[in-house]
Amino acid sequence: MSERKPFLLRVDPAVLDALQKWASDDLRSLNAQIEFVLRDSLAKTGRLGAKKKA
């Protein structure tokens, strides 16, 4: 598994609340939902790049 790097994220409370509700609907943690949204956006714009294989 790839290394995960922690970082501080400052976000508007309304955005955080909406993400938390979405995560609950999809049975994901808030952290997993944020990563899902970021990956989806990156993939849709062609910026994700190829995954490294171990």
PDB file of N, CA and C in Angstrom:
ATOM      1  N   MET A   1       0.843  -1.182   0.000  1.00  0.00           N
ATOM      2  CA  MET A   1       0.000   0.000   0.000  1.00  0.00           C
ATOM      3  C   MET A   1       0.886   1.243   0.000  1.00  0.00           C
ATOM      4  N   SER A   2       0.439   2.267  -0.684  1.00  0.00           N
ATOM      5  CA  SER A   2       1.226   3.482  -0.756  1.00  0.00           C
ATOM      6  C   SER A   2       1.190   4.246   0.561  1.00  0.00           C
ATOM      7  N   GLU A   3       2.202   5.043   0.753  1.00  0.00           N
ATOM      8  CA  GLU A   3       2.293   5.860   1.965  1.00  0.00           C
ATOM      9  C   GLU A   3       1.242   6.967   1.914  1.00  0.00           C
ATOM     10  N   ARG A   4       0.619   7.223   3.025  1.00  0.00           N
ATOM     11  CA  ARG A   4      -0.356   8.317   3.120  1.00  0.00           C
ATOM     12  C   ARG A   4       0.250   9.417   3.971  1.00  0.00           C
ATOM     13  N   LYS A   5       0.118  10.643   3.505  1.00  0.00           N
ATOM     14  CA  LYS A   5       0.702  11.774   4.208  1.00  0.00           C
ATOM     15  C   LYS A   5      -0.397  12.609   4.850  1.00  0.00           C
ATOM     16  N   PRO A   6      -0.322  12.798   6.145  1.00  0.00           N
ATOM     17  CA  PRO A   6      -1.323  13.627   6.818  1.00  0.00           C
ATOM     18  C   PRO A   6      -1.076  15.119   6.530  1.00  0.00           C
ATOM     19  N   PHE A   7      -2.168  15.883   6.515  1.00  0.00           N
ATOM     20  CA  PHE A   7      -2.034  17.330   6.361  1.00  0.00           C
ATOM     21  C   PHE A   7      -3.256  18.007   6.956  1.00  0.00           C
ATOM     22  N   LEU A   8      -3.108  19.251   7.300  1.00  0.00           N
ATOM     23  CA  LEU A   8      -4.189  20.048   7.865  1.00  0.00           C
ATOM     24  C   LEU A   8      -5.004  20.650   6.729  1.00  0.00           C
ATOM     25  N   LEU A   9      -6.310  20.533   6.817  1.00  0.00           N
ATOM     26  CA  LEU A   9      -7.192  21.094   5.791  1.00  0.00           C
ATOM     27  C   LEU A   9      -8.161  22.053   6.460  1.00  0.00           C
ATOM     28  N   ARG A  10      -8.153  23.285   6.021  1.00  0.00           N
ATOM     29  CA  ARG A  10      -9.113  24.271   6.522  1.00  0.00           C
ATOM     30  C   ARG A  10     -10.234  24.340   5.507  1.00  0.00           C
ATOM     31  N   VAL A  11     -11.456  24.154   5.978  1.00  0.00           N
ATOM     32  CA  VAL A  11     -12.597  24.118   5.067  1.00  0.00           C
ATOM     33  C   VAL A  11     -13.805  24.783   5.717  1.00  0.00           C
ATOM     34  N   ASP A  12     -14.627  25.377   4.909  1.00  0.00           N
ATOM     35  CA  ASP A  12     -15.845  26.029   5.374  1.00  0.00           C
ATOM     36  C   ASP A  12     -16.718  24.998   6.096  1.00  0.00           C
ATOM     37  N   PRO A  13     -17.268  25.347   7.243  1.00  0.00           N
ATOM     38  CA  PRO A  13     -18.094  24.399   7.997  1.00  0.00           C
ATOM     39  C   PRO A  13     -19.273  23.827   7.198  1.00  0.00           C
ATOM     40  N   ALA A  14     -19.886  24.623   6.337  1.00  0.00           N
ATOM     41  CA  ALA A  14     -21.006  24.131   5.527  1.00  0.00           C
ATOM     42  C   ALA A  14     -20.539  23.064   4.533  1.00  0.00           C
ATOM     43  N   VAL A  15     -19.354  23.250   3.973  1.00  0.00           N
ATOM     44  CA  VAL A  15     -18.791  22.262   3.047  1.00  0.00           C
ATOM     45  C   VAL A  15     -18.461  20.979   3.807  1.00  0.00           C
ATOM     46  N   LEU A  16     -17.873  21.124   4.966  1.00  0.00           N
ATOM     47  CA  LEU A  16     -17.532  19.964   5.782  1.00  0.00           C
ATOM     48  C   LEU A  16     -18.785  19.195   6.193  1.00  0.00           C
ATOM     49  N   ASP A  17     -19.827  19.899   6.563  1.00  0.00           N
ATOM     50  CA  ASP A  17     -21.080  19.254   6.939  1.00  0.00           C
ATOM     51  C   ASP A  17     -21.684  18.502   5.757  1.00  0.00           C
ATOM     52  N   ALA A  18     -21.677  19.108   4.583  1.00  0.00           N
ATOM     53  CA  ALA A  18     -22.212  18.448   3.391  1.00  0.00           C
ATOM     54  C   ALA A  18     -21.398  17.204   3.045  1.00  0.00           C
ATOM     55  N   LEU A  19     -20.075  17.298   3.161  1.00  0.00           N
ATOM     56  CA  LEU A  19     -19.229  16.131   2.911  1.00  0.00           C
ATOM     57  C   LEU A  19     -19.481  15.026   3.923  1.00  0.00           C
ATOM     58  N   GLN A  20     -19.686  15.387   5.178  1.00  0.00           N
ATOM     59  CA  GLN A  20     -19.962  14.387   6.209  1.00  0.00           C
ATOM     60  C   GLN A  20     -21.284  13.673   5.945  1.00  0.00           C
ATOM     61  N   LYS A  21     -22.300  14.410   5.534  1.00  0.00           N
ATOM     62  CA  LYS A  21     -23.591  13.803   5.215  1.00  0.00           C
ATOM     63  C   LYS A  21     -23.466  12.878   4.009  1.00  0.00           C
ATOM     64  N   TRP A  22     -22.727  13.298   2.994  1.00  0.00           N
ATOM     65  CA  TRP A  22     -22.511  12.492   1.799  1.00  0.00           C
ATOM     66  C   TRP A  22     -21.752  11.220   2.168  1.00  0.00           C
ATOM     67  N   ALA A  23     -20.731  11.366   2.990  1.00  0.00           N
ATOM     68  CA  ALA A  23     -19.948  10.209   3.442  1.00  0.00           C
ATOM     69  C   ALA A  23     -20.838   9.218   4.182  1.00  0.00           C
ATOM     70  N   SER A  24     -21.692   9.710   5.037  1.00  0.00           N
ATOM     71  CA  SER A  24     -22.607   8.831   5.777  1.00  0.00           C
ATOM     72  C   SER A  24     -23.558   8.106   4.830  1.00  0.00           C
ATOM     73  N   ASP A  25     -24.057   8.799   3.828  1.00  0.00           N
ATOM     74  CA  ASP A  25     -24.943   8.184   2.831  1.00  0.00           C
ATOM     75  C   ASP A  25     -24.247   7.060   2.080  1.00  0.00           C
ATOM     76  N   ASP A  26     -22.952   7.232   1.817  1.00  0.00           N
ATOM     77  CA  ASP A  26     -22.168   6.251   1.056  1.00  0.00           C
ATOM     78  C   ASP A  26     -21.428   5.266   1.957  1.00  0.00           C
ATOM     79  N   LEU A  27     -21.690   5.324   3.265  1.00  0.00           N
ATOM     80  CA  LEU A  27     -21.041   4.442   4.250  1.00  0.00           C
ATOM     81  C   LEU A  27     -19.521   4.532   4.194  1.00  0.00           C
ATOM     82  N   ARG A  28     -19.015   5.761   4.080  1.00  0.00           N
ATOM     83  CA  ARG A  28     -17.582   6.031   4.075  1.00  0.00           C
ATOM     84  C   ARG A  28     -17.240   6.923   5.258  1.00  0.00           C
ATOM     85  N   SER A  29     -15.970   6.914   5.626  1.00  0.00           N
ATOM     86  CA  SER A  29     -15.500   7.884   6.604  1.00  0.00           C
ATOM     87  C   SER A  29     -15.381   9.242   5.901  1.00  0.00           C
ATOM     88  N   LEU A  30     -15.326  10.288   6.675  1.00  0.00           N
ATOM     89  CA  LEU A  30     -15.155  11.618   6.092  1.00  0.00           C
ATOM     90  C   LEU A  30     -13.846  11.682   5.309  1.00  0.00           C
ATOM     91  N   ASN A  31     -12.789  11.119   5.866  1.00  0.00           N
ATOM     92  CA  ASN A  31     -11.502  11.122   5.189  1.00  0.00           C
ATOM     93  C   ASN A  31     -11.584  10.396   3.838  1.00  0.00           C
ATOM     94  N   ALA A  32     -12.220   9.227   3.824  1.00  0.00           N
ATOM     95  CA  ALA A  32     -12.361   8.458   2.579  1.00  0.00           C
ATOM     96  C   ALA A  32     -13.211   9.217   1.563  1.00  0.00           C
ATOM     97  N   GLN A  33     -14.221   9.931   2.041  1.00  0.00           N
ATOM     98  CA  GLN A  33     -15.077  10.694   1.129  1.00  0.00           C
ATOM     99  C   GLN A  33     -14.312  11.846   0.496  1.00  0.00           C
ATOM    100  N   ILE A  34     -13.518  12.540   1.281  1.00  0.00           N
ATOM    101  CA  ILE A  34     -12.714  13.640   0.740  1.00  0.00           C
ATOM    102  C   ILE A  34     -11.753  13.094  -0.314  1.00  0.00           C
ATOM    103  N   GLU A  35     -11.106  11.966  -0.028  1.00  0.00           N
ATOM    104  CA  GLU A  35     -10.197  11.370  -1.002  1.00  0.00           C
ATOM    105  C   GLU A  35     -10.959  10.934  -2.261  1.00  0.00           C
ATOM    106  N   PHE A  36     -12.153  10.369  -2.090  1.00  0.00           N
ATOM    107  CA  PHE A  36     -12.978   9.965  -3.222  1.00  0.00           C
ATOM    108  C   PHE A  36     -13.294  11.163  -4.126  1.00  0.00           C
ATOM    109  N   VAL A  37     -13.728  12.256  -3.515  1.00  0.00           N
ATOM    110  CA  VAL A  37     -14.080  13.458  -4.276  1.00  0.00           C
ATOM    111  C   VAL A  37     -12.861  14.014  -5.008  1.00  0.00           C
ATOM    112  N   LEU A  38     -11.725  14.055  -4.324  1.00  0.00           N
ATOM    113  CA  LEU A  38     -10.504  14.557  -4.956  1.00  0.00           C
ATOM    114  C   LEU A  38     -10.076  13.671  -6.120  1.00  0.00           C
ATOM    115  N   ARG A  39     -10.067  12.347  -5.910  1.00  0.00           N
ATOM    116  CA  ARG A  39      -9.678  11.418  -6.974  1.00  0.00           C
ATOM    117  C   ARG A  39     -10.633  11.502  -8.166  1.00  0.00           C
ATOM    118  N   ASP A  40     -11.928  11.590  -7.886  1.00  0.00           N
ATOM    119  CA  ASP A  40     -12.921  11.679  -8.958  1.00  0.00           C
ATOM    120  C   ASP A  40     -12.699  12.938  -9.791  1.00  0.00           C
ATOM    121  N   SER A  41     -12.475  14.052  -9.122  1.00  0.00           N
ATOM    122  CA  SER A  41     -12.236  15.309  -9.822  1.00  0.00           C
ATOM    123  C   SER A  41     -10.947  15.249 -10.645  1.00  0.00           C
ATOM    124  N   LEU A  42      -9.895  14.692 -10.064  1.00  0.00           N
ATOM    125  CA  LEU A  42      -8.631  14.555 -10.782  1.00  0.00           C
ATOM    126  C   LEU A  42      -8.772  13.649 -12.002  1.00  0.00           C
ATOM    127  N   ALA A  43      -9.492  12.560 -11.857  1.00  0.00           N
ATOM    128  CA  ALA A  43      -9.692  11.635 -12.977  1.00  0.00           C
ATOM    129  C   ALA A  43     -10.501  12.296 -14.094  1.00  0.00           C
ATOM    130  N   LYS A  44     -11.541  13.026 -13.728  1.00  0.00           N
ATOM    131  CA  LYS A  44     -12.391  13.677 -14.728  1.00  0.00           C
ATOM    132  C   LYS A  44     -11.650  14.747 -15.518  1.00  0.00           C
ATOM    133  N   THR A  45     -10.648  15.342 -14.919  1.00  0.00           N
ATOM    134  CA  THR A  45      -9.881  16.385 -15.607  1.00  0.00           C
ATOM    135  C   THR A  45      -8.578  15.866 -16.205  1.00  0.00           C
ATOM    136  N   GLY A  46      -8.351  14.540 -16.100  1.00  0.00           N
ATOM    137  CA  GLY A  46      -7.150  13.945 -16.680  1.00  0.00           C
ATOM    138  C   GLY A  46      -5.882  14.274 -15.934  1.00  0.00           C
ATOM    139  N   ARG A  47      -5.991  14.571 -14.667  1.00  0.00           N
ATOM    140  CA  ARG A  47      -4.809  14.964 -13.879  1.00  0.00           C
ATOM    141  C   ARG A  47      -4.356  13.929 -12.874  1.00  0.00           C
ATOM    142  N   LEU A  48      -5.001  12.773 -12.836  1.00  0.00           N
ATOM    143  CA  LEU A  48      -4.681  11.781 -11.836  1.00  0.00           C
ATOM    144  C   LEU A  48      -3.366  11.058 -12.119  1.00  0.00           C
ATOM    145  N   GLY A  49      -3.094  10.738 -13.369  1.00  0.00           N
ATOM    146  CA  GLY A  49      -1.876  10.001 -13.703  1.00  0.00           C
ATOM    147  C   GLY A  49      -2.058   8.525 -13.439  1.00  0.00           C
ATOM    148  N   ALA A  50      -1.122   7.740 -13.889  1.00  0.00           N
ATOM    149  CA  ALA A  50      -1.185   6.290 -13.718  1.00  0.00           C
ATOM    150  C   ALA A  50      -0.823   5.912 -12.295  1.00  0.00           C
ATOM    151  N   LYS A  51      -1.486   4.877 -11.785  1.00  0.00           N
ATOM    152  CA  LYS A  51      -1.161   4.365 -10.447  1.00  0.00           C
ATOM    153  C   LYS A  51       0.128   3.584 -10.521  1.00  0.00           C
ATOM    154  N   LYS A  52       0.957   3.727  -9.492  1.00  0.00           N
ATOM    155  CA  LYS A  52       2.196   2.963  -9.396  1.00  0.00           C
ATOM    156  C   LYS A  52       1.871   1.554  -8.941  1.00  0.00           C
ATOM    157  N   LYS A  53       2.495   0.586  -9.563  1.00  0.00           N
ATOM    158  CA  LYS A  53       2.315  -0.810  -9.163  1.00  0.00           C
ATOM    159  C   LYS A  53       3.508  -1.248  -8.355  1.00  0.00           C
ATOM    160  N   ALA A  54       3.242  -1.961  -7.255  1.00  0.00           N
ATOM    161  CA  ALA A  54       4.302  -2.424  -6.355  1.00  0.00           C
ATOM    162  C   ALA A  54       4.999  -3.633  -6.904  1.00  0.00           C
TER     163      ALA A  54
END
